[in-house]
Amino acid sequence: MLVSLVVAALTFVFAISFLTGSLGEITYYVTRTGGIVTDSANAQNFVDKSQAYVGTAVVLSIIFIVIAAFLFVTSSQSRRNYYITNYISVGLYVVFALVMAIFIIIMCSDCMNLFLNDVAWEAGTNGGKNIADQFLSTHPVTRQTGNFIVGYILAVIVLCDGVLMALSAVWKTLLMRGEKKLLAGSSNAEEVA
């Protein structure tokens, strides 16, 4: 349960740090003055989409942390017998872990596609509005993909954690049934004696 809380917290850290490095610096190539947008590198689609994704990811990760904390509220980490509230909290966590993993994969894939293929990188392209011709030395941008790779790794970790949480609940249920059979068998042995 503690690992699950840490994994949920990692999704929040990822969400707030996603637009760092080149992904954050590219926003300086799209300026808005009043109602006029100046896009000097064909990066507006990436900037708009990535900022929308990050906003959603922050909200989802906060909900994910609350759901992980609910596991502790229902004492799922220490309860000998699971009750309906334990199954509900574990079920919520597993479903939300799946949702988070899918969302992170979609977010990273869509943003990476826009970043690598939509932004004008080479000199002489896009009518001179590209990174090479409009390079800002105070805001250097490269085709780094580290943030996307971290996102894919985090999605796998979240998915694995959700699967392990579901398996843990199944294991707990099997232990509870085995204990009931053992206790029933011991009471039958006392009646025979």
N, C-alpha and C. Protein backbone atom coordinates (compact mmCIF):
# COMPACT_ATOMS: atom_id res chain seq x y z
N MET A 1 0.82 -1.19 0.00
CA MET A 1 0.00 0.00 0.00
C MET A 1 0.87 1.26 0.00
N LEU A 2 1.97 1.18 0.73
CA LEU A 2 2.88 2.33 0.75
C LEU A 2 3.51 2.55 -0.62
N VAL A 3 3.86 1.47 -1.29
CA VAL A 3 4.41 1.57 -2.65
C VAL A 3 3.38 2.21 -3.57
N SER A 4 2.13 1.85 -3.41
CA SER A 4 1.07 2.41 -4.24
C SER A 4 0.92 3.91 -4.01
N LEU A 5 1.06 4.33 -2.77
CA LEU A 5 1.01 5.77 -2.48
C LEU A 5 2.19 6.49 -3.12
N VAL A 6 3.36 5.88 -3.07
CA VAL A 6 4.55 6.48 -3.69
C VAL A 6 4.37 6.55 -5.21
N VAL A 7 3.83 5.49 -5.81
CA VAL A 7 3.59 5.49 -7.26
C VAL A 7 2.61 6.59 -7.64
N ALA A 8 1.56 6.76 -6.86
CA ALA A 8 0.59 7.83 -7.12
C ALA A 8 1.26 9.20 -7.01
N ALA A 9 2.13 9.35 -6.02
CA ALA A 9 2.85 10.62 -5.87
C ALA A 9 3.80 10.85 -7.04
N LEU A 10 4.39 9.79 -7.57
CA LEU A 10 5.29 9.92 -8.73
C LEU A 10 4.54 10.43 -9.96
N THR A 11 3.26 10.05 -10.09
CA THR A 11 2.50 10.57 -11.23
C THR A 11 2.31 12.08 -11.12
N PHE A 12 2.17 12.57 -9.88
CA PHE A 12 2.07 14.02 -9.69
C PHE A 12 3.39 14.71 -10.02
N VAL A 13 4.49 14.13 -9.55
CA VAL A 13 5.81 14.71 -9.84
C VAL A 13 6.05 14.72 -11.35
N PHE A 14 5.68 13.64 -12.02
CA PHE A 14 5.84 13.58 -13.48
C PHE A 14 5.00 14.65 -14.15
N ALA A 15 3.77 14.82 -13.71
CA ALA A 15 2.87 15.80 -14.33
C ALA A 15 3.43 17.21 -14.22
N ILE A 16 3.94 17.57 -13.04
CA ILE A 16 4.42 18.96 -12.89
C ILE A 16 5.81 19.16 -13.49
N SER A 17 6.53 18.08 -13.75
CA SER A 17 7.87 18.23 -14.33
C SER A 17 7.93 17.84 -15.80
N PHE A 18 6.82 17.49 -16.40
CA PHE A 18 6.82 17.04 -17.80
C PHE A 18 7.34 18.12 -18.74
N LEU A 19 6.89 19.34 -18.55
CA LEU A 19 7.30 20.43 -19.44
C LEU A 19 8.56 21.11 -18.93
N THR A 20 9.62 20.34 -18.77
CA THR A 20 10.91 20.89 -18.39
C THR A 20 11.90 20.61 -19.52
N GLY A 21 13.04 21.24 -19.45
CA GLY A 21 14.04 21.05 -20.50
C GLY A 21 13.55 21.66 -21.80
N SER A 22 13.83 21.00 -22.89
CA SER A 22 13.43 21.51 -24.21
C SER A 22 11.92 21.62 -24.36
N LEU A 23 11.19 20.73 -23.69
CA LEU A 23 9.73 20.78 -23.79
C LEU A 23 9.18 22.08 -23.19
N GLY A 24 9.83 22.57 -22.17
CA GLY A 24 9.41 23.84 -21.57
C GLY A 24 9.95 25.04 -22.31
N GLU A 25 11.16 24.92 -22.82
CA GLU A 25 11.79 26.05 -23.52
C GLU A 25 11.11 26.36 -24.85
N ILE A 26 10.46 25.38 -25.43
CA ILE A 26 9.84 25.62 -26.74
C ILE A 26 8.67 26.60 -26.65
N THR A 27 8.14 26.79 -25.45
CA THR A 27 7.04 27.75 -25.29
C THR A 27 7.48 29.17 -25.61
N TYR A 28 8.78 29.45 -25.52
CA TYR A 28 9.27 30.78 -25.83
C TYR A 28 9.27 31.07 -27.33
N TYR A 29 9.06 30.06 -28.13
CA TYR A 29 8.99 30.24 -29.59
C TYR A 29 7.56 30.55 -30.04
N VAL A 30 6.63 30.49 -29.10
CA VAL A 30 5.23 30.86 -29.38
C VAL A 30 4.88 31.98 -28.40
N THR A 31 4.72 33.18 -28.92
CA THR A 31 4.42 34.33 -28.06
C THR A 31 3.01 34.82 -28.35
N ARG A 32 2.37 35.28 -27.31
CA ARG A 32 1.03 35.85 -27.44
C ARG A 32 1.06 37.29 -26.94
N THR A 33 0.75 38.19 -27.83
CA THR A 33 0.67 39.60 -27.48
C THR A 33 -0.75 40.05 -27.77
N GLY A 34 -1.48 40.29 -26.71
CA GLY A 34 -2.90 40.60 -26.89
C GLY A 34 -3.60 39.38 -27.45
N GLY A 35 -4.24 39.52 -28.58
CA GLY A 35 -4.91 38.39 -29.22
C GLY A 35 -4.10 37.82 -30.37
N ILE A 36 -2.89 38.36 -30.57
CA ILE A 36 -2.08 37.93 -31.71
C ILE A 36 -1.04 36.91 -31.25
N VAL A 37 -1.02 35.77 -31.95
CA VAL A 37 -0.07 34.70 -31.65
C VAL A 37 1.04 34.72 -32.68
N THR A 38 2.28 34.75 -32.21
CA THR A 38 3.43 34.66 -33.10
C THR A 38 4.12 33.34 -32.85
N ASP A 39 4.10 32.50 -33.87
CA ASP A 39 4.68 31.16 -33.76
C ASP A 39 5.91 31.12 -34.65
N SER A 40 7.09 31.16 -34.04
CA SER A 40 8.32 31.22 -34.83
C SER A 40 8.94 29.86 -35.09
N ALA A 41 8.23 28.77 -34.77
CA ALA A 41 8.79 27.43 -35.02
C ALA A 41 7.72 26.38 -35.27
N ASN A 42 6.50 26.79 -35.60
CA ASN A 42 5.39 25.87 -35.82
C ASN A 42 5.18 24.98 -34.59
N ALA A 43 5.25 25.59 -33.43
CA ALA A 43 5.16 24.83 -32.18
C ALA A 43 3.87 25.06 -31.41
N GLN A 44 2.96 25.84 -31.97
CA GLN A 44 1.75 26.19 -31.23
C GLN A 44 0.91 24.96 -30.91
N ASN A 45 0.75 24.04 -31.85
CA ASN A 45 -0.04 22.82 -31.58
C ASN A 45 0.56 22.04 -30.42
N PHE A 46 1.88 21.90 -30.43
CA PHE A 46 2.54 21.17 -29.34
C PHE A 46 2.34 21.88 -28.00
N VAL A 47 2.54 23.18 -27.98
CA VAL A 47 2.43 23.94 -26.73
C VAL A 47 1.01 23.85 -26.17
N ASP A 48 0.01 24.07 -27.03
CA ASP A 48 -1.38 24.03 -26.56
C ASP A 48 -1.75 22.63 -26.06
N LYS A 49 -1.42 21.61 -26.84
CA LYS A 49 -1.79 20.24 -26.49
C LYS A 49 -1.05 19.79 -25.24
N SER A 50 0.24 20.07 -25.14
CA SER A 50 1.01 19.61 -23.98
C SER A 50 0.56 20.31 -22.70
N GLN A 51 0.25 21.58 -22.77
CA GLN A 51 -0.22 22.28 -21.57
C GLN A 51 -1.59 21.77 -21.13
N ALA A 52 -2.44 21.44 -22.10
CA ALA A 52 -3.75 20.86 -21.74
C ALA A 52 -3.56 19.49 -21.10
N TYR A 53 -2.66 18.69 -21.65
CA TYR A 53 -2.39 17.37 -21.07
C TYR A 53 -1.84 17.49 -19.66
N VAL A 54 -0.92 18.40 -19.46
CA VAL A 54 -0.31 18.56 -18.14
C VAL A 54 -1.36 19.01 -17.12
N GLY A 55 -2.22 19.92 -17.50
CA GLY A 55 -3.29 20.35 -16.59
C GLY A 55 -4.17 19.18 -16.18
N THR A 56 -4.53 18.35 -17.15
CA THR A 56 -5.35 17.17 -16.86
C THR A 56 -4.57 16.16 -16.02
N ALA A 57 -3.29 15.98 -16.33
CA ALA A 57 -2.46 15.01 -15.60
C ALA A 57 -2.31 15.42 -14.13
N VAL A 58 -2.20 16.70 -13.87
CA VAL A 58 -2.08 17.18 -12.48
C VAL A 58 -3.36 16.84 -11.71
N VAL A 59 -4.51 17.11 -12.31
CA VAL A 59 -5.78 16.81 -11.64
C VAL A 59 -5.94 15.31 -11.41
N LEU A 60 -5.65 14.51 -12.45
CA LEU A 60 -5.78 13.05 -12.31
C LEU A 60 -4.81 12.49 -11.27
N SER A 61 -3.60 13.04 -11.21
CA SER A 61 -2.64 12.52 -10.24
C SER A 61 -3.03 12.88 -8.81
N ILE A 62 -3.65 14.03 -8.61
CA ILE A 62 -4.13 14.38 -7.27
C ILE A 62 -5.25 13.42 -6.86
N ILE A 63 -6.15 13.12 -7.79
CA ILE A 63 -7.22 12.15 -7.51
C ILE A 63 -6.60 10.79 -7.20
N PHE A 64 -5.57 10.42 -7.95
CA PHE A 64 -4.88 9.15 -7.76
C PHE A 64 -4.26 9.07 -6.36
N ILE A 65 -3.67 10.16 -5.89
CA ILE A 65 -3.09 10.20 -4.55
C ILE A 65 -4.17 10.04 -3.49
N VAL A 66 -5.31 10.70 -3.70
CA VAL A 66 -6.43 10.57 -2.74
C VAL A 66 -6.94 9.13 -2.70
N ILE A 67 -7.04 8.49 -3.86
CA ILE A 67 -7.48 7.09 -3.90
C ILE A 67 -6.47 6.19 -3.20
N ALA A 68 -5.17 6.46 -3.40
CA ALA A 68 -4.14 5.67 -2.71
C ALA A 68 -4.20 5.89 -1.20
N ALA A 69 -4.50 7.11 -0.79
CA ALA A 69 -4.64 7.39 0.65
C ALA A 69 -5.88 6.70 1.22
N PHE A 70 -6.91 6.53 0.39
CA PHE A 70 -8.13 5.84 0.82
C PHE A 70 -7.82 4.39 1.18
N LEU A 71 -6.80 3.80 0.57
CA LEU A 71 -6.38 2.45 0.94
C LEU A 71 -5.98 2.40 2.41
N PHE A 72 -5.33 3.46 2.88
CA PHE A 72 -4.91 3.54 4.28
C PHE A 72 -6.09 3.83 5.20
N VAL A 73 -7.03 4.64 4.71
CA VAL A 73 -8.22 4.95 5.51
C VAL A 73 -9.01 3.68 5.79
N THR A 74 -9.09 2.79 4.80
CA THR A 74 -9.81 1.53 4.98
C THR A 74 -8.94 0.44 5.60
N SER A 75 -7.72 0.79 5.98
CA SER A 75 -6.76 -0.14 6.60
C SER A 75 -6.49 -1.37 5.75
N SER A 76 -6.45 -1.18 4.46
CA SER A 76 -6.21 -2.30 3.56
C SER A 76 -4.81 -2.88 3.71
N GLN A 77 -3.90 -2.11 4.28
CA GLN A 77 -2.52 -2.57 4.45
C GLN A 77 -2.35 -3.48 5.66
N SER A 78 -3.26 -3.40 6.64
CA SER A 78 -3.05 -4.15 7.88
C SER A 78 -4.24 -5.00 8.32
N ARG A 79 -5.32 -4.92 7.63
CA ARG A 79 -6.53 -5.65 8.05
C ARG A 79 -6.37 -7.15 7.80
N ARG A 80 -6.73 -7.92 8.79
CA ARG A 80 -6.61 -9.38 8.66
C ARG A 80 -7.69 -9.93 7.72
N ASN A 81 -8.89 -9.42 7.86
CA ASN A 81 -9.99 -9.81 6.98
C ASN A 81 -10.44 -8.60 6.18
N TYR A 82 -10.60 -8.79 4.89
CA TYR A 82 -11.08 -7.70 4.04
C TYR A 82 -12.60 -7.62 4.11
N TYR A 83 -13.10 -6.39 4.17
CA TYR A 83 -14.53 -6.14 4.13
C TYR A 83 -14.84 -5.46 2.81
N ILE A 84 -16.08 -5.14 2.58
CA ILE A 84 -16.49 -4.56 1.31
C ILE A 84 -15.76 -3.24 1.03
N THR A 85 -15.51 -2.45 2.08
CA THR A 85 -14.80 -1.18 1.87
C THR A 85 -13.37 -1.41 1.38
N ASN A 86 -12.75 -2.49 1.84
CA ASN A 86 -11.40 -2.81 1.37
C ASN A 86 -11.42 -3.17 -0.11
N TYR A 87 -12.39 -3.97 -0.51
CA TYR A 87 -12.49 -4.35 -1.92
C TYR A 87 -12.82 -3.14 -2.80
N ILE A 88 -13.64 -2.25 -2.27
CA ILE A 88 -13.97 -1.03 -3.02
C ILE A 88 -12.73 -0.17 -3.19
N SER A 89 -11.98 0.04 -2.12
CA SER A 89 -10.78 0.89 -2.22
C SER A 89 -9.73 0.27 -3.14
N VAL A 90 -9.53 -1.04 -3.04
CA VAL A 90 -8.56 -1.70 -3.93
C VAL A 90 -9.05 -1.66 -5.37
N GLY A 91 -10.34 -1.90 -5.57
CA GLY A 91 -10.91 -1.84 -6.93
C GLY A 91 -10.78 -0.46 -7.55
N LEU A 92 -11.08 0.57 -6.76
CA LEU A 92 -10.91 1.94 -7.25
C LEU A 92 -9.46 2.21 -7.65
N TYR A 93 -8.55 1.76 -6.80
CA TYR A 93 -7.13 1.98 -7.10
C TYR A 93 -6.72 1.27 -8.38
N VAL A 94 -7.13 0.04 -8.53
CA VAL A 94 -6.75 -0.74 -9.71
C VAL A 94 -7.30 -0.10 -10.99
N VAL A 95 -8.57 0.28 -10.95
CA VAL A 95 -9.19 0.91 -12.13
C VAL A 95 -8.51 2.23 -12.44
N PHE A 96 -8.25 3.02 -11.41
CA PHE A 96 -7.63 4.33 -11.66
C PHE A 96 -6.18 4.18 -12.11
N ALA A 97 -5.49 3.15 -11.63
CA ALA A 97 -4.13 2.90 -12.10
C ALA A 97 -4.14 2.60 -13.59
N LEU A 98 -5.11 1.82 -14.04
CA LEU A 98 -5.25 1.53 -15.46
C LEU A 98 -5.53 2.81 -16.25
N VAL A 99 -6.43 3.63 -15.73
CA VAL A 99 -6.76 4.91 -16.38
C VAL A 99 -5.51 5.79 -16.47
N MET A 100 -4.77 5.89 -15.37
CA MET A 100 -3.55 6.73 -15.38
C MET A 100 -2.51 6.21 -16.36
N ALA A 101 -2.32 4.90 -16.40
CA ALA A 101 -1.32 4.33 -17.31
C ALA A 101 -1.70 4.62 -18.76
N ILE A 102 -2.97 4.42 -19.09
CA ILE A 102 -3.42 4.69 -20.47
C ILE A 102 -3.29 6.18 -20.78
N PHE A 103 -3.69 7.04 -19.85
CA PHE A 103 -3.60 8.48 -20.08
C PHE A 103 -2.15 8.92 -20.31
N ILE A 104 -1.23 8.41 -19.49
CA ILE A 104 0.18 8.80 -19.63
C ILE A 104 0.72 8.33 -20.98
N ILE A 105 0.37 7.13 -21.40
CA ILE A 105 0.84 6.63 -22.70
C ILE A 105 0.29 7.49 -23.83
N ILE A 106 -1.00 7.81 -23.78
CA ILE A 106 -1.60 8.65 -24.82
C ILE A 106 -0.97 10.04 -24.80
N MET A 107 -0.80 10.62 -23.61
CA MET A 107 -0.21 11.95 -23.48
C MET A 107 1.20 11.98 -24.06
N CYS A 108 2.02 11.01 -23.66
CA CYS A 108 3.41 10.99 -24.14
C CYS A 108 3.48 10.75 -25.64
N SER A 109 2.66 9.84 -26.15
CA SER A 109 2.69 9.53 -27.58
C SER A 109 2.25 10.72 -28.41
N ASP A 110 1.16 11.35 -28.03
CA ASP A 110 0.65 12.50 -28.78
C ASP A 110 1.63 13.67 -28.73
N CYS A 111 2.13 13.97 -27.54
CA CYS A 111 3.06 15.09 -27.39
C CYS A 111 4.39 14.81 -28.12
N MET A 112 4.87 13.58 -28.05
CA MET A 112 6.12 13.25 -28.72
C MET A 112 5.97 13.38 -30.24
N ASN A 113 4.83 12.94 -30.75
CA ASN A 113 4.58 13.07 -32.18
C ASN A 113 4.59 14.54 -32.60
N LEU A 114 3.90 15.39 -31.86
CA LEU A 114 3.87 16.81 -32.18
C LEU A 114 5.26 17.44 -32.03
N PHE A 115 5.96 17.07 -30.98
CA PHE A 115 7.28 17.65 -30.71
C PHE A 115 8.29 17.28 -31.79
N LEU A 116 8.33 16.03 -32.18
CA LEU A 116 9.33 15.58 -33.15
C LEU A 116 8.93 15.83 -34.59
N ASN A 117 7.63 15.78 -34.90
CA ASN A 117 7.20 15.85 -36.31
C ASN A 117 6.50 17.13 -36.71
N ASP A 118 5.87 17.82 -35.77
CA ASP A 118 5.12 19.02 -36.12
C ASP A 118 5.97 20.28 -36.01
N VAL A 119 6.85 20.33 -35.05
CA VAL A 119 7.72 21.49 -34.87
C VAL A 119 8.71 21.55 -36.03
N ALA A 120 8.92 22.74 -36.56
CA ALA A 120 9.88 22.93 -37.67
C ALA A 120 11.28 23.03 -37.09
N TRP A 121 12.10 22.02 -37.33
CA TRP A 121 13.44 21.94 -36.76
C TRP A 121 14.53 22.41 -37.72
N GLU A 122 14.46 22.00 -38.98
CA GLU A 122 15.55 22.24 -39.93
C GLU A 122 15.55 23.66 -40.48
N ALA A 123 16.76 24.16 -40.75
CA ALA A 123 16.92 25.49 -41.34
C ALA A 123 16.32 25.48 -42.74
N GLY A 124 15.72 26.60 -43.11
CA GLY A 124 15.15 26.76 -44.45
C GLY A 124 13.77 26.14 -44.61
N THR A 125 13.18 25.65 -43.54
CA THR A 125 11.84 25.07 -43.64
C THR A 125 10.81 26.02 -43.04
N ASN A 126 9.55 25.79 -43.35
CA ASN A 126 8.43 26.53 -42.78
C ASN A 126 8.55 28.04 -43.00
N GLY A 127 9.04 28.42 -44.16
CA GLY A 127 9.16 29.84 -44.49
C GLY A 127 10.09 30.60 -43.55
N GLY A 128 11.12 29.94 -43.05
CA GLY A 128 12.08 30.58 -42.14
C GLY A 128 11.65 30.55 -40.69
N LYS A 129 10.45 30.06 -40.43
CA LYS A 129 9.97 29.96 -39.04
C LYS A 129 10.28 28.56 -38.53
N ASN A 130 11.50 28.37 -38.09
CA ASN A 130 11.92 27.07 -37.58
C ASN A 130 12.93 27.29 -36.47
N ILE A 131 13.24 26.22 -35.74
CA ILE A 131 14.14 26.32 -34.60
C ILE A 131 15.54 26.75 -35.03
N ALA A 132 16.04 26.19 -36.12
CA ALA A 132 17.42 26.47 -36.55
C ALA A 132 17.59 27.94 -36.93
N ASP A 133 16.63 28.51 -37.66
CA ASP A 133 16.75 29.91 -38.08
C ASP A 133 16.34 30.90 -37.00
N GLN A 134 15.47 30.50 -36.10
CA GLN A 134 14.97 31.40 -35.06
C GLN A 134 15.54 31.05 -33.68
N PHE A 135 16.66 30.36 -33.64
CA PHE A 135 17.21 29.83 -32.38
C PHE A 135 17.40 30.94 -31.35
N LEU A 136 16.88 30.72 -30.15
CA LEU A 136 17.03 31.65 -29.04
C LEU A 136 18.09 31.09 -28.10
N SER A 137 19.21 31.75 -28.00
CA SER A 137 20.30 31.23 -27.17
C SER A 137 19.94 31.20 -25.69
N THR A 138 19.01 32.07 -25.28
CA THR A 138 18.59 32.06 -23.88
C THR A 138 17.61 30.93 -23.58
N HIS A 139 17.04 30.36 -24.61
CA HIS A 139 16.07 29.26 -24.46
C HIS A 139 16.38 28.17 -25.50
N PRO A 140 17.48 27.44 -25.28
CA PRO A 140 17.88 26.42 -26.26
C PRO A 140 16.92 25.23 -26.27
N VAL A 141 16.64 24.76 -27.47
CA VAL A 141 15.73 23.63 -27.64
C VAL A 141 16.42 22.58 -28.49
N THR A 142 16.37 21.34 -28.04
CA THR A 142 16.90 20.22 -28.81
C THR A 142 15.82 19.15 -28.91
N ARG A 143 16.06 18.17 -29.74
CA ARG A 143 15.09 17.08 -29.93
C ARG A 143 15.25 16.01 -28.85
N GLN A 144 15.33 16.39 -27.61
CA GLN A 144 15.48 15.42 -26.53
C GLN A 144 14.15 14.73 -26.27
N THR A 145 14.22 13.45 -25.98
CA THR A 145 13.01 12.67 -25.75
C THR A 145 12.98 12.04 -24.36
N GLY A 146 13.84 12.51 -23.47
CA GLY A 146 13.92 11.93 -22.12
C GLY A 146 12.63 11.98 -21.35
N ASN A 147 11.91 13.10 -21.44
CA ASN A 147 10.65 13.24 -20.69
C ASN A 147 9.62 12.21 -21.15
N PHE A 148 9.62 11.93 -22.45
CA PHE A 148 8.66 10.96 -22.98
C PHE A 148 9.02 9.54 -22.51
N ILE A 149 10.31 9.24 -22.51
CA ILE A 149 10.77 7.92 -22.06
C ILE A 149 10.42 7.72 -20.59
N VAL A 150 10.64 8.75 -19.77
CA VAL A 150 10.27 8.68 -18.35
C VAL A 150 8.76 8.44 -18.22
N GLY A 151 7.98 9.08 -19.06
CA GLY A 151 6.52 8.88 -19.03
C GLY A 151 6.13 7.45 -19.35
N TYR A 152 6.76 6.87 -20.37
CA TYR A 152 6.46 5.47 -20.71
C TYR A 152 6.86 4.53 -19.58
N ILE A 153 8.01 4.78 -18.97
CA ILE A 153 8.46 3.95 -17.85
C ILE A 153 7.49 4.08 -16.68
N LEU A 154 7.06 5.31 -16.39
CA LEU A 154 6.11 5.53 -15.30
C LEU A 154 4.78 4.83 -15.59
N ALA A 155 4.33 4.86 -16.83
CA ALA A 155 3.08 4.18 -17.19
C ALA A 155 3.18 2.69 -16.92
N VAL A 156 4.32 2.10 -17.24
CA VAL A 156 4.51 0.66 -16.99
C VAL A 156 4.53 0.39 -15.48
N ILE A 157 5.19 1.26 -14.72
CA ILE A 157 5.24 1.10 -13.27
C ILE A 157 3.83 1.19 -12.67
N VAL A 158 3.06 2.17 -13.11
CA VAL A 158 1.68 2.34 -12.61
C VAL A 158 0.84 1.11 -12.96
N LEU A 159 0.99 0.63 -14.18
CA LEU A 159 0.24 -0.55 -14.60
C LEU A 159 0.63 -1.78 -13.79
N CYS A 160 1.92 -1.99 -13.59
CA CYS A 160 2.39 -3.12 -12.79
C CYS A 160 1.90 -3.02 -11.34
N ASP A 161 1.91 -1.82 -10.79
CA ASP A 161 1.43 -1.63 -9.43
C ASP A 161 -0.05 -1.96 -9.33
N GLY A 162 -0.84 -1.55 -10.31
CA GLY A 162 -2.26 -1.87 -10.31
C GLY A 162 -2.51 -3.37 -10.38
N VAL A 163 -1.73 -4.05 -11.23
CA VAL A 163 -1.87 -5.51 -11.36
C VAL A 163 -1.47 -6.19 -10.05
N LEU A 164 -0.38 -5.74 -9.44
CA LEU A 164 0.06 -6.33 -8.17
C LEU A 164 -0.96 -6.07 -7.06
N MET A 165 -1.58 -4.91 -7.09
CA MET A 165 -2.61 -4.61 -6.09
C MET A 165 -3.81 -5.55 -6.25
N ALA A 166 -4.22 -5.80 -7.50
CA ALA A 166 -5.33 -6.73 -7.75
C ALA A 166 -4.95 -8.14 -7.31
N LEU A 167 -3.73 -8.57 -7.62
CA LEU A 167 -3.28 -9.90 -7.21
C LEU A 167 -3.19 -10.01 -5.69
N SER A 168 -2.82 -8.93 -5.03
CA SER A 168 -2.76 -8.92 -3.58
C SER A 168 -4.15 -9.12 -2.97
N ALA A 169 -5.15 -8.48 -3.57
CA ALA A 169 -6.52 -8.64 -3.07
C ALA A 169 -7.01 -10.07 -3.29
N VAL A 170 -6.67 -10.66 -4.43
CA VAL A 170 -7.05 -12.05 -4.70
C VAL A 170 -6.36 -12.97 -3.70
N TRP A 171 -5.08 -12.75 -3.46
CA TRP A 171 -4.32 -13.56 -2.51
C TRP A 171 -4.93 -13.45 -1.11
N LYS A 172 -5.30 -12.23 -0.71
CA LYS A 172 -5.90 -12.00 0.60
C LYS A 172 -7.22 -12.76 0.72
N THR A 173 -8.01 -12.74 -0.36
CA THR A 173 -9.29 -13.45 -0.37
C THR A 173 -9.07 -14.96 -0.22
N LEU A 174 -8.08 -15.49 -0.93
CA LEU A 174 -7.78 -16.92 -0.82
C LEU A 174 -7.30 -17.29 0.59
N LEU A 175 -6.50 -16.42 1.20
CA LEU A 175 -6.06 -16.66 2.58
C LEU A 175 -7.24 -16.66 3.55
N MET A 176 -8.17 -15.73 3.34
CA MET A 176 -9.35 -15.66 4.21
C MET A 176 -10.19 -16.93 4.08
N ARG A 177 -10.38 -17.41 2.86
CA ARG A 177 -11.15 -18.65 2.66
C ARG A 177 -10.44 -19.84 3.29
N GLY A 178 -9.12 -19.92 3.11
CA GLY A 178 -8.35 -21.01 3.71
C GLY A 178 -8.43 -20.99 5.22
N GLU A 179 -8.38 -19.79 5.80
CA GLU A 179 -8.47 -19.67 7.26
C GLU A 179 -9.85 -20.12 7.76
N LYS A 180 -10.90 -19.76 7.02
CA LYS A 180 -12.26 -20.18 7.41
C LYS A 180 -12.39 -21.70 7.34
N LYS A 181 -11.84 -22.32 6.30
CA LYS A 181 -11.89 -23.78 6.18
C LYS A 181 -11.11 -24.44 7.30
N LEU A 182 -9.96 -23.87 7.63
CA LEU A 182 -9.14 -24.42 8.70
C LEU A 182 -9.87 -24.34 10.04
N LEU A 183 -10.49 -23.18 10.29
CA LEU A 183 -11.24 -23.02 11.54
C LEU A 183 -12.46 -23.94 11.57
N ALA A 184 -13.12 -24.11 10.45
CA ALA A 184 -14.28 -25.00 10.38
C ALA A 184 -13.84 -26.45 10.60
N GLY A 185 -12.71 -26.83 10.04
CA GLY A 185 -12.18 -28.18 10.23
C GLY A 185 -11.77 -28.43 11.67
N SER A 186 -11.23 -27.44 12.32
CA SER A 186 -10.80 -27.60 13.72
C SER A 186 -12.01 -27.70 14.65
N SER A 187 -13.10 -26.99 14.36
CA SER A 187 -14.28 -27.09 15.21
C SER A 187 -14.98 -28.43 15.02
N ASN A 188 -14.93 -28.98 13.78
CA ASN A 188 -15.49 -30.31 13.54
C ASN A 188 -14.70 -31.38 14.27
N ALA A 189 -13.37 -31.25 14.34
CA ALA A 189 -12.51 -32.21 15.05
C ALA A 189 -12.82 -32.19 16.54
N GLU A 190 -13.12 -31.01 17.11
CA GLU A 190 -13.45 -30.92 18.54
C GLU A 190 -14.79 -31.59 18.83
N GLU A 191 -15.75 -31.48 17.90
CA GLU A 191 -17.06 -32.10 18.11
C GLU A 191 -16.95 -33.62 18.09
N VAL A 192 -16.07 -34.15 17.24
CA VAL A 192 -15.89 -35.61 17.14
C VAL A 192 -15.24 -36.13 18.41
N ALA A 193 -14.29 -35.39 18.95
CA ALA A 193 -13.57 -35.84 20.15
C ALA A 193 -14.50 -35.80 21.32
